[in-house]
Amino acid sequence: MSETNELIRIANDARLCSLAPFSRFLVGAARASYGLTVCAERVAIWKALSECERDFTDLVVVVDTDQLTPPCGTCRQIIWEYCKHAKITLANLKGQSEVVDIRELLPKAFDARFLKEAGR
């Protein structure tokens, strides 16, 4: 089994633990972002950071939709800040998957470069 397939399996298992009582949009790494909720991508990243993980190489998002679903805008910013070099795989329960780059998902990302300019 390839590393990506194993990560898809793990993300699918995580999907089974997802809680989304209002949207019912269960996802292994993300769900639609409704006001007071927190998407699975951010939870996974923050949990890893809290366990001193810093070298992210892969991020997999599994959804139960016909269309592959990318992370929401807030998650894209967090991925840029902490996982910008990671391979991002979008997958669904129908066996479809696609590898995307964060630069495709978040062109012209905001980062520390802009903070330095503002401090002049």
PDB file of N, CA and C in Angstrom:
ATOM      1  N   MET A   1       0.851  -1.180   0.000  1.00  0.00           N
ATOM      2  CA  MET A   1       0.000   0.000   0.000  1.00  0.00           C
ATOM      3  C   MET A   1       0.892   1.237   0.000  1.00  0.00           C
ATOM      4  N   SER A   2       0.614   2.196  -0.884  1.00  0.00           N
ATOM      5  CA  SER A   2       1.427   3.403  -0.960  1.00  0.00           C
ATOM      6  C   SER A   2       1.171   4.288   0.264  1.00  0.00           C
ATOM      7  N   GLU A   3       2.103   5.194   0.493  1.00  0.00           N
ATOM      8  CA  GLU A   3       1.970   6.105   1.630  1.00  0.00           C
ATOM      9  C   GLU A   3       0.711   6.958   1.492  1.00  0.00           C
ATOM     10  N   THR A   4       0.425   7.429   0.270  1.00  0.00           N
ATOM     11  CA  THR A   4      -0.773   8.243   0.059  1.00  0.00           C
ATOM     12  C   THR A   4      -2.032   7.437   0.337  1.00  0.00           C
ATOM     13  N   ASN A   5      -2.082   6.188  -0.126  1.00  0.00           N
ATOM     14  CA  ASN A   5      -3.253   5.340   0.143  1.00  0.00           C
ATOM     15  C   ASN A   5      -3.428   5.097   1.635  1.00  0.00           C
ATOM     16  N   GLU A   6      -2.343   4.935   2.339  1.00  0.00           N
ATOM     17  CA  GLU A   6      -2.410   4.749   3.795  1.00  0.00           C
ATOM     18  C   GLU A   6      -2.936   6.014   4.460  1.00  0.00           C
ATOM     19  N   LEU A   7      -2.478   7.180   3.988  1.00  0.00           N
ATOM     20  CA  LEU A   7      -2.962   8.439   4.550  1.00  0.00           C
ATOM     21  C   LEU A   7      -4.447   8.640   4.250  1.00  0.00           C
ATOM     22  N   ILE A   8      -4.888   8.245   3.069  1.00  0.00           N
ATOM     23  CA  ILE A   8      -6.315   8.324   2.732  1.00  0.00           C
ATOM     24  C   ILE A   8      -7.111   7.430   3.674  1.00  0.00           C
ATOM     25  N   ARG A   9      -6.604   6.226   3.955  1.00  0.00           N
ATOM     26  CA  ARG A   9      -7.284   5.310   4.867  1.00  0.00           C
ATOM     27  C   ARG A   9      -7.383   5.938   6.265  1.00  0.00           C
ATOM     28  N   ILE A  10      -6.290   6.539   6.731  1.00  0.00           N
ATOM     29  CA  ILE A  10      -6.276   7.165   8.060  1.00  0.00           C
ATOM     30  C   ILE A  10      -7.252   8.344   8.108  1.00  0.00           C
ATOM     31  N   ALA A  11      -7.257   9.172   7.060  1.00  0.00           N
ATOM     32  CA  ALA A  11      -8.182  10.308   7.020  1.00  0.00           C
ATOM     33  C   ALA A  11      -9.629   9.820   6.974  1.00  0.00           C
ATOM     34  N   ASN A  12      -9.860   8.718   6.272  1.00  0.00           N
ATOM     35  CA  ASN A  12     -11.209   8.151   6.218  1.00  0.00           C
ATOM     36  C   ASN A  12     -11.630   7.656   7.607  1.00  0.00           C
ATOM     37  N   ASP A  13     -10.705   7.035   8.327  1.00  0.00           N
ATOM     38  CA  ASP A  13     -11.007   6.598   9.700  1.00  0.00           C
ATOM     39  C   ASP A  13     -11.329   7.804  10.579  1.00  0.00           C
ATOM     40  N   ALA A  14     -10.572   8.893  10.392  1.00  0.00           N
ATOM     41  CA  ALA A  14     -10.820  10.113  11.172  1.00  0.00           C
ATOM     42  C   ALA A  14     -12.192  10.688  10.836  1.00  0.00           C
ATOM     43  N   ARG A  15     -12.616  10.548   9.587  1.00  0.00           N
ATOM     44  CA  ARG A  15     -13.934  11.018   9.162  1.00  0.00           C
ATOM     45  C   ARG A  15     -15.034  10.359   9.979  1.00  0.00           C
ATOM     46  N   LEU A  16     -14.830   9.092  10.314  1.00  0.00           N
ATOM     47  CA  LEU A  16     -15.831   8.355  11.089  1.00  0.00           C
ATOM     48  C   LEU A  16     -15.981   8.909  12.505  1.00  0.00           C
ATOM     49  N   CYS A  17     -14.978   9.668  12.975  1.00  0.00           N
ATOM     50  CA  CYS A  17     -15.033  10.280  14.306  1.00  0.00           C
ATOM     51  C   CYS A  17     -15.471  11.739  14.251  1.00  0.00           C
ATOM     52  N   SER A  18     -15.718  12.249  13.061  1.00  0.00           N
ATOM     53  CA  SER A  18     -16.100  13.644  12.894  1.00  0.00           C
ATOM     54  C   SER A  18     -17.444  13.913  13.544  1.00  0.00           C
ATOM     55  N   LEU A  19     -17.573  15.098  14.147  1.00  0.00           N
ATOM     56  CA  LEU A  19     -18.838  15.531  14.742  1.00  0.00           C
ATOM     57  C   LEU A  19     -19.337  16.742  13.972  1.00  0.00           C
ATOM     58  N   ALA A  20     -20.485  16.634  13.358  1.00  0.00           N
ATOM     59  CA  ALA A  20     -21.079  17.745  12.612  1.00  0.00           C
ATOM     60  C   ALA A  20     -22.596  17.660  12.737  1.00  0.00           C
ATOM     61  N   PRO A  21     -23.127  17.887  13.952  1.00  0.00           N
ATOM     62  CA  PRO A  21     -24.554  17.682  14.180  1.00  0.00           C
ATOM     63  C   PRO A  21     -25.461  18.592  13.360  1.00  0.00           C
ATOM     64  N   PHE A  22     -24.996  19.776  12.998  1.00  0.00           N
ATOM     65  CA  PHE A  22     -25.843  20.692  12.242  1.00  0.00           C
ATOM     66  C   PHE A  22     -25.690  20.496  10.742  1.00  0.00           C
ATOM     67  N   SER A  23     -24.466  20.457  10.252  1.00  0.00           N
ATOM     68  CA  SER A  23     -24.253  20.341   8.811  1.00  0.00           C
ATOM     69  C   SER A  23     -24.354  18.902   8.325  1.00  0.00           C
ATOM     70  N   ARG A  24     -24.082  17.949   9.217  1.00  0.00           N
ATOM     71  CA  ARG A  24     -24.030  16.524   8.859  1.00  0.00           C
ATOM     72  C   ARG A  24     -23.056  16.266   7.712  1.00  0.00           C
ATOM     73  N   PHE A  25     -22.052  17.111   7.579  1.00  0.00           N
ATOM     74  CA  PHE A  25     -21.035  17.024   6.525  1.00  0.00           C
ATOM     75  C   PHE A  25     -19.786  16.416   7.155  1.00  0.00           C
ATOM     76  N   LEU A  26     -19.763  15.103   7.277  1.00  0.00           N
ATOM     77  CA  LEU A  26     -18.673  14.397   7.930  1.00  0.00           C
ATOM     78  C   LEU A  26     -17.490  14.282   6.982  1.00  0.00           C
ATOM     79  N   VAL A  27     -16.323  14.682   7.464  1.00  0.00           N
ATOM     80  CA  VAL A  27     -15.126  14.719   6.641  1.00  0.00           C
ATOM     81  C   VAL A  27     -13.938  14.274   7.474  1.00  0.00           C
ATOM     82  N   GLY A  28     -12.999  13.629   6.840  1.00  0.00           N
ATOM     83  CA  GLY A  28     -11.800  13.184   7.536  1.00  0.00           C
ATOM     84  C   GLY A  28     -10.866  14.310   7.884  1.00  0.00           C
ATOM     85  N   ALA A  29     -10.863  15.361   7.101  1.00  0.00           N
ATOM     86  CA  ALA A  29      -9.951  16.452   7.395  1.00  0.00           C
ATOM     87  C   ALA A  29     -10.613  17.811   7.362  1.00  0.00           C
ATOM     88  N   ALA A  30     -11.863  17.911   6.926  1.00  0.00           N
ATOM     89  CA  ALA A  30     -12.535  19.217   6.891  1.00  0.00           C
ATOM     90  C   ALA A  30     -14.036  19.031   6.793  1.00  0.00           C
ATOM     91  N   ARG A  31     -14.735  20.049   7.200  1.00  0.00           N
ATOM     92  CA  ARG A  31     -16.170  20.113   6.944  1.00  0.00           C
ATOM     93  C   ARG A  31     -16.511  21.571   6.685  1.00  0.00           C
ATOM     94  N   ALA A  32     -17.653  21.812   6.152  1.00  0.00           N
ATOM     95  CA  ALA A  32     -18.028  23.195   5.865  1.00  0.00           C
ATOM     96  C   ALA A  32     -17.889  24.024   7.141  1.00  0.00           C
ATOM     97  N   SER A  33     -17.394  25.207   7.009  1.00  0.00           N
ATOM     98  CA  SER A  33     -17.093  26.033   8.164  1.00  0.00           C
ATOM     99  C   SER A  33     -18.305  26.871   8.551  1.00  0.00           C
ATOM    100  N   TYR A  34     -18.938  26.513   9.640  1.00  0.00           N
ATOM    101  CA  TYR A  34     -20.084  27.254  10.154  1.00  0.00           C
ATOM    102  C   TYR A  34     -19.662  27.970  11.425  1.00  0.00           C
ATOM    103  N   GLY A  35     -19.730  29.269  11.397  1.00  0.00           N
ATOM    104  CA  GLY A  35     -19.449  30.163  12.511  1.00  0.00           C
ATOM    105  C   GLY A  35     -18.620  29.657  13.675  1.00  0.00           C
ATOM    106  N   LEU A  36     -19.237  28.910  14.558  1.00  0.00           N
ATOM    107  CA  LEU A  36     -18.576  28.525  15.807  1.00  0.00           C
ATOM    108  C   LEU A  36     -17.942  27.136  15.762  1.00  0.00           C
ATOM    109  N   THR A  37     -17.745  26.587  14.587  1.00  0.00           N
ATOM    110  CA  THR A  37     -17.120  25.272  14.489  1.00  0.00           C
ATOM    111  C   THR A  37     -15.650  25.413  14.125  1.00  0.00           C
ATOM    112  N   VAL A  38     -14.924  24.311  14.210  1.00  0.00           N
ATOM    113  CA  VAL A  38     -13.523  24.277  13.813  1.00  0.00           C
ATOM    114  C   VAL A  38     -13.354  23.111  12.852  1.00  0.00           C
ATOM    115  N   CYS A  39     -12.794  23.396  11.687  1.00  0.00           N
ATOM    116  CA  CYS A  39     -12.612  22.360  10.668  1.00  0.00           C
ATOM    117  C   CYS A  39     -11.557  21.342  11.097  1.00  0.00           C
ATOM    118  N   ALA A  40     -11.690  20.158  10.538  1.00  0.00           N
ATOM    119  CA  ALA A  40     -10.796  19.056  10.888  1.00  0.00           C
ATOM    120  C   ALA A  40      -9.343  19.326  10.497  1.00  0.00           C
ATOM    121  N   GLU A  41      -9.119  20.048   9.389  1.00  0.00           N
ATOM    122  CA  GLU A  41      -7.734  20.350   8.992  1.00  0.00           C
ATOM    123  C   GLU A  41      -7.013  21.108  10.100  1.00  0.00           C
ATOM    124  N   ARG A  42      -7.679  22.143  10.609  1.00  0.00           N
ATOM    125  CA  ARG A  42      -7.043  22.943  11.669  1.00  0.00           C
ATOM    126  C   ARG A  42      -6.860  22.137  12.939  1.00  0.00           C
ATOM    127  N   VAL A  43      -7.840  21.330  13.295  1.00  0.00           N
ATOM    128  CA  VAL A  43      -7.707  20.490  14.488  1.00  0.00           C
ATOM    129  C   VAL A  43      -6.497  19.568  14.343  1.00  0.00           C
ATOM    130  N   ALA A  44      -6.372  18.928  13.171  1.00  0.00           N
ATOM    131  CA  ALA A  44      -5.251  18.006  12.941  1.00  0.00           C
ATOM    132  C   ALA A  44      -3.912  18.741  13.025  1.00  0.00           C
ATOM    133  N   ILE A  45      -3.846  19.926  12.424  1.00  0.00           N
ATOM    134  CA  ILE A  45      -2.585  20.690  12.438  1.00  0.00           C
ATOM    135  C   ILE A  45      -2.261  21.152  13.846  1.00  0.00           C
ATOM    136  N   TRP A  46      -3.235  21.720  14.558  1.00  0.00           N
ATOM    137  CA  TRP A  46      -2.974  22.190  15.919  1.00  0.00           C
ATOM    138  C   TRP A  46      -2.605  21.046  16.847  1.00  0.00           C
ATOM    139  N   LYS A  47      -3.247  19.899  16.699  1.00  0.00           N
ATOM    140  CA  LYS A  47      -2.894  18.734  17.525  1.00  0.00           C
ATOM    141  C   LYS A  47      -1.450  18.326  17.268  1.00  0.00           C
ATOM    142  N   ALA A  48      -1.069  18.265  16.008  1.00  0.00           N
ATOM    143  CA  ALA A  48       0.314  17.905  15.675  1.00  0.00           C
ATOM    144  C   ALA A  48       1.288  18.934  16.240  1.00  0.00           C
ATOM    145  N   LEU A  49       0.972  20.217  16.090  1.00  0.00           N
ATOM    146  CA  LEU A  49       1.843  21.260  16.637  1.00  0.00           C
ATOM    147  C   LEU A  49       1.961  21.139  18.154  1.00  0.00           C
ATOM    148  N   SER A  50       0.848  20.804  18.830  1.00  0.00           N
ATOM    149  CA  SER A  50       0.881  20.669  20.292  1.00  0.00           C
ATOM    150  C   SER A  50       1.722  19.477  20.733  1.00  0.00           C
ATOM    151  N   GLU A  51       1.960  18.554  19.807  1.00  0.00           N
ATOM    152  CA  GLU A  51       2.803  17.389  20.092  1.00  0.00           C
ATOM    153  C   GLU A  51       4.204  17.573  19.515  1.00  0.00           C
ATOM    154  N   CYS A  52       4.577  18.828  19.263  1.00  0.00           N
ATOM    155  CA  CYS A  52       5.914  19.231  18.793  1.00  0.00           C
ATOM    156  C   CYS A  52       6.243  18.758  17.373  1.00  0.00           C
ATOM    157  N   GLU A  53       5.248  18.406  16.586  1.00  0.00           N
ATOM    158  CA  GLU A  53       5.487  18.073  15.181  1.00  0.00           C
ATOM    159  C   GLU A  53       5.661  19.378  14.416  1.00  0.00           C
ATOM    160  N   ARG A  54       6.669  19.441  13.561  1.00  0.00           N
ATOM    161  CA  ARG A  54       6.912  20.660  12.800  1.00  0.00           C
ATOM    162  C   ARG A  54       7.167  20.387  11.316  1.00  0.00           C
ATOM    163  N   ASP A  55       7.548  19.177  10.959  1.00  0.00           N
ATOM    164  CA  ASP A  55       7.915  18.859   9.586  1.00  0.00           C
ATOM    165  C   ASP A  55       6.762  18.131   8.898  1.00  0.00           C
ATOM    166  N   PHE A  56       5.820  18.887   8.358  1.00  0.00           N
ATOM    167  CA  PHE A  56       4.653  18.303   7.705  1.00  0.00           C
ATOM    168  C   PHE A  56       4.990  17.953   6.261  1.00  0.00           C
ATOM    169  N   THR A  57       4.781  16.705   5.877  1.00  0.00           N
ATOM    170  CA  THR A  57       5.083  16.278   4.518  1.00  0.00           C
ATOM    171  C   THR A  57       3.831  15.967   3.709  1.00  0.00           C
ATOM    172  N   ASP A  58       2.742  15.572   4.362  1.00  0.00           N
ATOM    173  CA  ASP A  58       1.507  15.196   3.687  1.00  0.00           C
ATOM    174  C   ASP A  58       0.306  15.662   4.489  1.00  0.00           C
ATOM    175  N   LEU A  59      -0.733  16.068   3.768  1.00  0.00           N
ATOM    176  CA  LEU A  59      -2.015  16.411   4.369  1.00  0.00           C
ATOM    177  C   LEU A  59      -3.079  15.820   3.460  1.00  0.00           C
ATOM    178  N   VAL A  60      -3.980  15.004   4.009  1.00  0.00           N
ATOM    179  CA  VAL A  60      -5.022  14.357   3.218  1.00  0.00           C
ATOM    180  C   VAL A  60      -6.387  14.779   3.733  1.00  0.00           C
ATOM    181  N   VAL A  61      -7.268  15.150   2.801  1.00  0.00           N
ATOM    182  CA  VAL A  61      -8.629  15.562   3.112  1.00  0.00           C
ATOM    183  C   VAL A  61      -9.575  14.567   2.441  1.00  0.00           C
ATOM    184  N   VAL A  62     -10.383  13.848   3.233  1.00  0.00           N
ATOM    185  CA  VAL A  62     -11.323  12.862   2.694  1.00  0.00           C
ATOM    186  C   VAL A  62     -12.748  13.329   2.964  1.00  0.00           C
ATOM    187  N   VAL A  63     -13.592  13.312   1.913  1.00  0.00           N
ATOM    188  CA  VAL A  63     -14.983  13.743   2.038  1.00  0.00           C
ATOM    189  C   VAL A  63     -15.919  12.716   1.417  1.00  0.00           C
ATOM    190  N   ASP A  64     -17.178  12.766   1.821  1.00  0.00           N
ATOM    191  CA  ASP A  64     -18.209  11.899   1.247  1.00  0.00           C
ATOM    192  C   ASP A  64     -19.051  12.724   0.277  1.00  0.00           C
ATOM    193  N   THR A  65     -18.420  13.160  -0.813  1.00  0.00           N
ATOM    194  CA  THR A  65     -19.085  13.950  -1.841  1.00  0.00           C
ATOM    195  C   THR A  65     -18.678  13.398  -3.201  1.00  0.00           C
ATOM    196  N   ASP A  66     -19.450  13.723  -4.229  1.00  0.00           N
ATOM    197  CA  ASP A  66     -19.074  13.333  -5.582  1.00  0.00           C
ATOM    198  C   ASP A  66     -17.863  14.119  -6.049  1.00  0.00           C
ATOM    199  N   GLN A  67     -17.831  15.397  -5.685  1.00  0.00           N
ATOM    200  CA  GLN A  67     -16.737  16.280  -6.064  1.00  0.00           C
ATOM    201  C   GLN A  67     -15.674  16.285  -4.985  1.00  0.00           C
ATOM    202  N   LEU A  68     -14.405  16.281  -5.374  1.00  0.00           N
ATOM    203  CA  LEU A  68     -13.336  16.445  -4.388  1.00  0.00           C
ATOM    204  C   LEU A  68     -13.470  17.839  -3.789  1.00  0.00           C
ATOM    205  N   THR A  69     -13.360  17.933  -2.461  1.00  0.00           N
ATOM    206  CA  THR A  69     -13.631  19.185  -1.760  1.00  0.00           C
ATOM    207  C   THR A  69     -12.356  19.728  -1.123  1.00  0.00           C
ATOM    208  N   PRO A  70     -11.938  20.927  -1.498  1.00  0.00           N
ATOM    209  CA  PRO A  70     -10.744  21.520  -0.904  1.00  0.00           C
ATOM    210  C   PRO A  70     -11.039  22.129   0.462  1.00  0.00           C
ATOM    211  N   PRO A  71      -9.994  22.438   1.227  1.00  0.00           N
ATOM    212  CA  PRO A  71     -10.178  23.089   2.523  1.00  0.00           C
ATOM    213  C   PRO A  71     -10.802  24.476   2.375  1.00  0.00           C
ATOM    214  N   CYS A  72     -11.470  24.936   3.440  1.00  0.00           N
ATOM    215  CA  CYS A  72     -12.049  26.281   3.446  1.00  0.00           C
ATOM    216  C   CYS A  72     -10.920  27.322   3.484  1.00  0.00           C
ATOM    217  N   GLY A  73     -11.282  28.575   3.329  1.00  0.00           N
ATOM    218  CA  GLY A  73     -10.295  29.655   3.287  1.00  0.00           C
ATOM    219  C   GLY A  73      -9.457  29.771   4.550  1.00  0.00           C
ATOM    220  N   THR A  74     -10.095  29.666   5.706  1.00  0.00           N
ATOM    221  CA  THR A  74      -9.353  29.750   6.963  1.00  0.00           C
ATOM    222  C   THR A  74      -8.336  28.620   7.063  1.00  0.00           C
ATOM    223  N   CYS A  75      -8.744  27.420   6.707  1.00  0.00           N
ATOM    224  CA  CYS A  75      -7.830  26.276   6.749  1.00  0.00           C
ATOM    225  C   CYS A  75      -6.681  26.450   5.765  1.00  0.00           C
ATOM    226  N   ARG A  76      -6.982  27.027   4.595  1.00  0.00           N
ATOM    227  CA  ARG A  76      -5.927  27.261   3.604  1.00  0.00           C
ATOM    228  C   ARG A  76      -4.846  28.171   4.189  1.00  0.00           C
ATOM    229  N   GLN A  77      -5.251  29.193   4.945  1.00  0.00           N
ATOM    230  CA  GLN A  77      -4.276  30.093   5.554  1.00  0.00           C
ATOM    231  C   GLN A  77      -3.428  29.349   6.591  1.00  0.00           C
ATOM    232  N   ILE A  78      -4.052  28.518   7.416  1.00  0.00           N
ATOM    233  CA  ILE A  78      -3.303  27.752   8.428  1.00  0.00           C
ATOM    234  C   ILE A  78      -2.359  26.765   7.746  1.00  0.00           C
ATOM    235  N   ILE A  79      -2.827  26.117   6.680  1.00  0.00           N
ATOM    236  CA  ILE A  79      -1.955  25.201   5.925  1.00  0.00           C
ATOM    237  C   ILE A  79      -0.764  25.980   5.381  1.00  0.00           C
ATOM    238  N   TRP A  80      -0.999  27.180   4.857  1.00  0.00           N
ATOM    239  CA  TRP A  80       0.102  27.999   4.339  1.00  0.00           C
ATOM    240  C   TRP A  80       1.117  28.297   5.446  1.00  0.00           C
ATOM    241  N   GLU A  81       0.626  28.648   6.614  1.00  0.00           N
ATOM    242  CA  GLU A  81       1.524  29.033   7.697  1.00  0.00           C
ATOM    243  C   GLU A  81       2.337  27.872   8.251  1.00  0.00           C
ATOM    244  N   TYR A  82       1.752  26.679   8.319  1.00  0.00           N
ATOM    245  CA  TYR A  82       2.433  25.576   8.997  1.00  0.00           C
ATOM    246  C   TYR A  82       2.799  24.399   8.096  1.00  0.00           C
ATOM    247  N   CYS A  83       2.188  24.278   6.944  1.00  0.00           N
ATOM    248  CA  CYS A  83       2.379  23.082   6.099  1.00  0.00           C
ATOM    249  C   CYS A  83       2.609  23.442   4.640  1.00  0.00           C
ATOM    250  N   LYS A  84       3.180  24.599   4.363  1.00  0.00           N
ATOM    251  CA  LYS A  84       3.223  25.073   2.976  1.00  0.00           C
ATOM    252  C   LYS A  84       4.015  24.167   2.041  1.00  0.00           C
ATOM    253  N   HIS A  85       4.867  23.300   2.578  1.00  0.00           N
ATOM    254  CA  HIS A  85       5.643  22.401   1.719  1.00  0.00           C
ATOM    255  C   HIS A  85       5.047  20.993   1.665  1.00  0.00           C
ATOM    256  N   ALA A  86       3.939  20.796   2.342  1.00  0.00           N
ATOM    257  CA  ALA A  86       3.315  19.460   2.381  1.00  0.00           C
ATOM    258  C   ALA A  86       2.572  19.164   1.077  1.00  0.00           C
ATOM    259  N   LYS A  87       2.547  17.895   0.725  1.00  0.00           N
ATOM    260  CA  LYS A  87       1.732  17.434  -0.398  1.00  0.00           C
ATOM    261  C   LYS A  87       0.300  17.335   0.115  1.00  0.00           C
ATOM    262  N   ILE A  88      -0.646  17.963  -0.575  1.00  0.00           N
ATOM    263  CA  ILE A  88      -2.044  17.964  -0.158  1.00  0.00           C
ATOM    264  C   ILE A  88      -2.824  17.055  -1.094  1.00  0.00           C
ATOM    265  N   THR A  89      -3.454  16.023  -0.527  1.00  0.00           N
ATOM    266  CA  THR A  89      -4.255  15.100  -1.318  1.00  0.00           C
ATOM    267  C   THR A  89      -5.720  15.281  -0.953  1.00  0.00           C
ATOM    268  N   LEU A  90      -6.544  15.545  -1.962  1.00  0.00           N
ATOM    269  CA  LEU A  90      -7.997  15.597  -1.796  1.00  0.00           C
ATOM    270  C   LEU A  90      -8.533  14.249  -2.234  1.00  0.00           C
ATOM    271  N   ALA A  91      -9.408  13.630  -1.441  1.00  0.00           N
ATOM    272  CA  ALA A  91      -9.953  12.311  -1.780  1.00  0.00           C
ATOM    273  C   ALA A  91     -11.414  12.243  -1.373  1.00  0.00           C
ATOM    274  N   ASN A  92     -12.125  11.286  -1.976  1.00  0.00           N
ATOM    275  CA  ASN A  92     -13.511  11.043  -1.569  1.00  0.00           C
ATOM    276  C   ASN A  92     -13.734   9.551  -1.386  1.00  0.00           C
ATOM    277  N   LEU A  93     -14.905   9.186  -0.920  1.00  0.00           N
ATOM    278  CA  LEU A  93     -15.201   7.785  -0.631  1.00  0.00           C
ATOM    279  C   LEU A  93     -15.430   6.959  -1.886  1.00  0.00           C
ATOM    280  N   LYS A  94     -15.467   7.597  -3.036  1.00  0.00           N
ATOM    281  CA  LYS A  94     -15.651   6.892  -4.306  1.00  0.00           C
ATOM    282  C   LYS A  94     -14.315   6.462  -4.909  1.00  0.00           C
ATOM    283  N   GLY A  95     -13.222   6.720  -4.190  1.00  0.00           N
ATOM    284  CA  GLY A  95     -11.903   6.307  -4.662  1.00  0.00           C
ATOM    285  C   GLY A  95     -11.187   7.329  -5.517  1.00  0.00           C
ATOM    286  N   GLN A  96     -11.761   8.515  -5.679  1.00  0.00           N
ATOM    287  CA  GLN A  96     -11.098   9.564  -6.448  1.00  0.00           C
ATOM    288  C   GLN A  96     -10.111  10.293  -5.556  1.00  0.00           C
ATOM    289  N   SER A  97      -9.012  10.749  -6.130  1.00  0.00           N
ATOM    290  CA  SER A  97      -8.059  11.575  -5.380  1.00  0.00           C
ATOM    291  C   SER A  97      -7.295  12.463  -6.351  1.00  0.00           C
ATOM    292  N   GLU A  98      -6.801  13.548  -5.811  1.00  0.00           N
ATOM    293  CA  GLU A  98      -6.041  14.520  -6.599  1.00  0.00           C
ATOM    294  C   GLU A  98      -5.044  15.185  -5.660  1.00  0.00           C
ATOM    295  N   VAL A  99      -3.816  15.354  -6.123  1.00  0.00           N
ATOM    296  CA  VAL A  99      -2.804  16.063  -5.346  1.00  0.00           C
ATOM    297  C   VAL A  99      -2.793  17.515  -5.803  1.00  0.00           C
ATOM    298  N   VAL A 100      -2.869  18.438  -4.823  1.00  0.00           N
ATOM    299  CA  VAL A 100      -2.846  19.865  -5.124  1.00  0.00           C
ATOM    300  C   VAL A 100      -1.759  20.538  -4.299  1.00  0.00           C
ATOM    301  N   ASP A 101      -1.328  21.682  -4.757  1.00  0.00           N
ATOM    302  CA  ASP A 101      -0.326  22.476  -4.047  1.00  0.00           C
ATOM    303  C   ASP A 101      -1.041  23.633  -3.350  1.00  0.00           C
ATOM    304  N   ILE A 102      -0.597  24.002  -2.179  1.00  0.00           N
ATOM    305  CA  ILE A 102      -1.239  25.089  -1.438  1.00  0.00           C
ATOM    306  C   ILE A 102      -1.204  26.387  -2.231  1.00  0.00           C
ATOM    307  N   ARG A 103      -0.211  26.549  -3.088  1.00  0.00           N
ATOM    308  CA  ARG A 103      -0.139  27.767  -3.896  1.00  0.00           C
ATOM    309  C   ARG A 103      -1.281  27.836  -4.908  1.00  0.00           C
ATOM    310  N   GLU A 104      -1.798  26.667  -5.325  1.00  0.00           N
ATOM    311  CA  GLU A 104      -2.982  26.631  -6.192  1.00  0.00           C
ATOM    312  C   GLU A 104      -4.226  27.042  -5.392  1.00  0.00           C
ATOM    313  N   LEU A 105      -4.311  26.552  -4.156  1.00  0.00           N
ATOM    314  CA  LEU A 105      -5.481  26.809  -3.325  1.00  0.00           C
ATOM    315  C   LEU A 105      -5.486  28.205  -2.722  1.00  0.00           C
ATOM    316  N   LEU A 106      -4.304  28.780  -2.511  1.00  0.00           N
ATOM    317  CA  LEU A 106      -4.212  30.078  -1.843  1.00  0.00           C
ATOM    318  C   LEU A 106      -3.170  30.963  -2.547  1.00  0.00           C
ATOM    319  N   PRO A 107      -3.508  31.435  -3.761  1.00  0.00           N
ATOM    320  CA  PRO A 107      -2.564  32.330  -4.443  1.00  0.00           C
ATOM    321  C   PRO A 107      -2.458  33.649  -3.682  1.00  0.00           C
ATOM    322  N   LYS A 108      -1.300  34.251  -3.740  1.00  0.00           N
ATOM    323  CA  LYS A 108      -1.049  35.533  -3.056  1.00  0.00           C
ATOM    324  C   LYS A 108      -1.326  35.437  -1.557  1.00  0.00           C
ATOM    325  N   ALA A 109      -0.813  34.400  -0.943  1.00  0.00           N
ATOM    326  CA  ALA A 109      -1.036  34.161   0.487  1.00  0.00           C
ATOM    327  C   ALA A 109      -0.427  35.265   1.339  1.00  0.00           C
ATOM    328  N   PHE A 110      -1.086  35.542   2.458  1.00  0.00           N
ATOM    329  CA  PHE A 110      -0.581  36.498   3.447  1.00  0.00           C
ATOM    330  C   PHE A 110       0.394  35.766   4.354  1.00  0.00           C
ATOM    331  N   ASP A 111       1.566  36.349   4.571  1.00  0.00           N
ATOM    332  CA  ASP A 111       2.521  35.762   5.509  1.00  0.00           C
ATOM    333  C   ASP A 111       3.406  36.854   6.097  1.00  0.00           C
ATOM    334  N   ALA A 112       4.468  36.461   6.797  1.00  0.00           N
ATOM    335  CA  ALA A 112       5.310  37.388   7.548  1.00  0.00           C
ATOM    336  C   ALA A 112       5.971  38.442   6.663  1.00  0.00           C
ATOM    337  N   ARG A 113       6.098  38.193   5.363  1.00  0.00           N
ATOM    338  CA  ARG A 113       6.703  39.213   4.473  1.00  0.00           C
ATOM    339  C   ARG A 113       5.966  40.545   4.598  1.00  0.00           C
ATOM    340  N   PHE A 114       4.638  40.476   4.702  1.00  0.00           N
ATOM    341  CA  PHE A 114       3.834  41.690   4.757  1.00  0.00           C
ATOM    342  C   PHE A 114       3.948  42.376   6.117  1.00  0.00           C
ATOM    343  N   LEU A 115       4.149  41.611   7.169  1.00  0.00           N
ATOM    344  CA  LEU A 115       4.308  42.196   8.500  1.00  0.00           C
ATOM    345  C   LEU A 115       5.586  43.009   8.584  1.00  0.00           C
ATOM    346  N   LYS A 116       6.663  42.541   7.953  1.00  0.00           N
ATOM    347  CA  LYS A 116       7.924  43.260   7.952  1.00  0.00           C
ATOM    348  C   LYS A 116       7.800  44.595   7.242  1.00  0.00           C
ATOM    349  N   GLU A 117       7.052  44.599   6.135  1.00  0.00           N
ATOM    350  CA  GLU A 117       6.849  45.838   5.386  1.00  0.00           C
ATOM    351  C   GLU A 117       6.042  46.844   6.205  1.00  0.00           C
ATOM    352  N   ALA A 118       5.045  46.372   6.960  1.00  0.00           N
ATOM    353  CA  ALA A 118       4.196  47.261   7.736  1.00  0.00           C
ATOM    354  C   ALA A 118       4.954  47.904   8.893  1.00  0.00           C
ATOM    355  N   GLY A 119       6.031  47.273   9.369  1.00  0.00           N
ATOM    356  CA  GLY A 119       6.784  47.766  10.508  1.00  0.00           C
ATOM    357  C   GLY A 119       7.811  48.831  10.159  1.00  0.00           C
ATOM    358  N   ARG A 120       7.928  49.164   8.891  1.00  0.00           N
ATOM    359  CA  ARG A 120       8.946  50.168   8.492  1.00  0.00           C
ATOM    360  C   ARG A 120       8.602  51.538   8.985  1.00  0.00           C
TER     361      ARG A 120
END
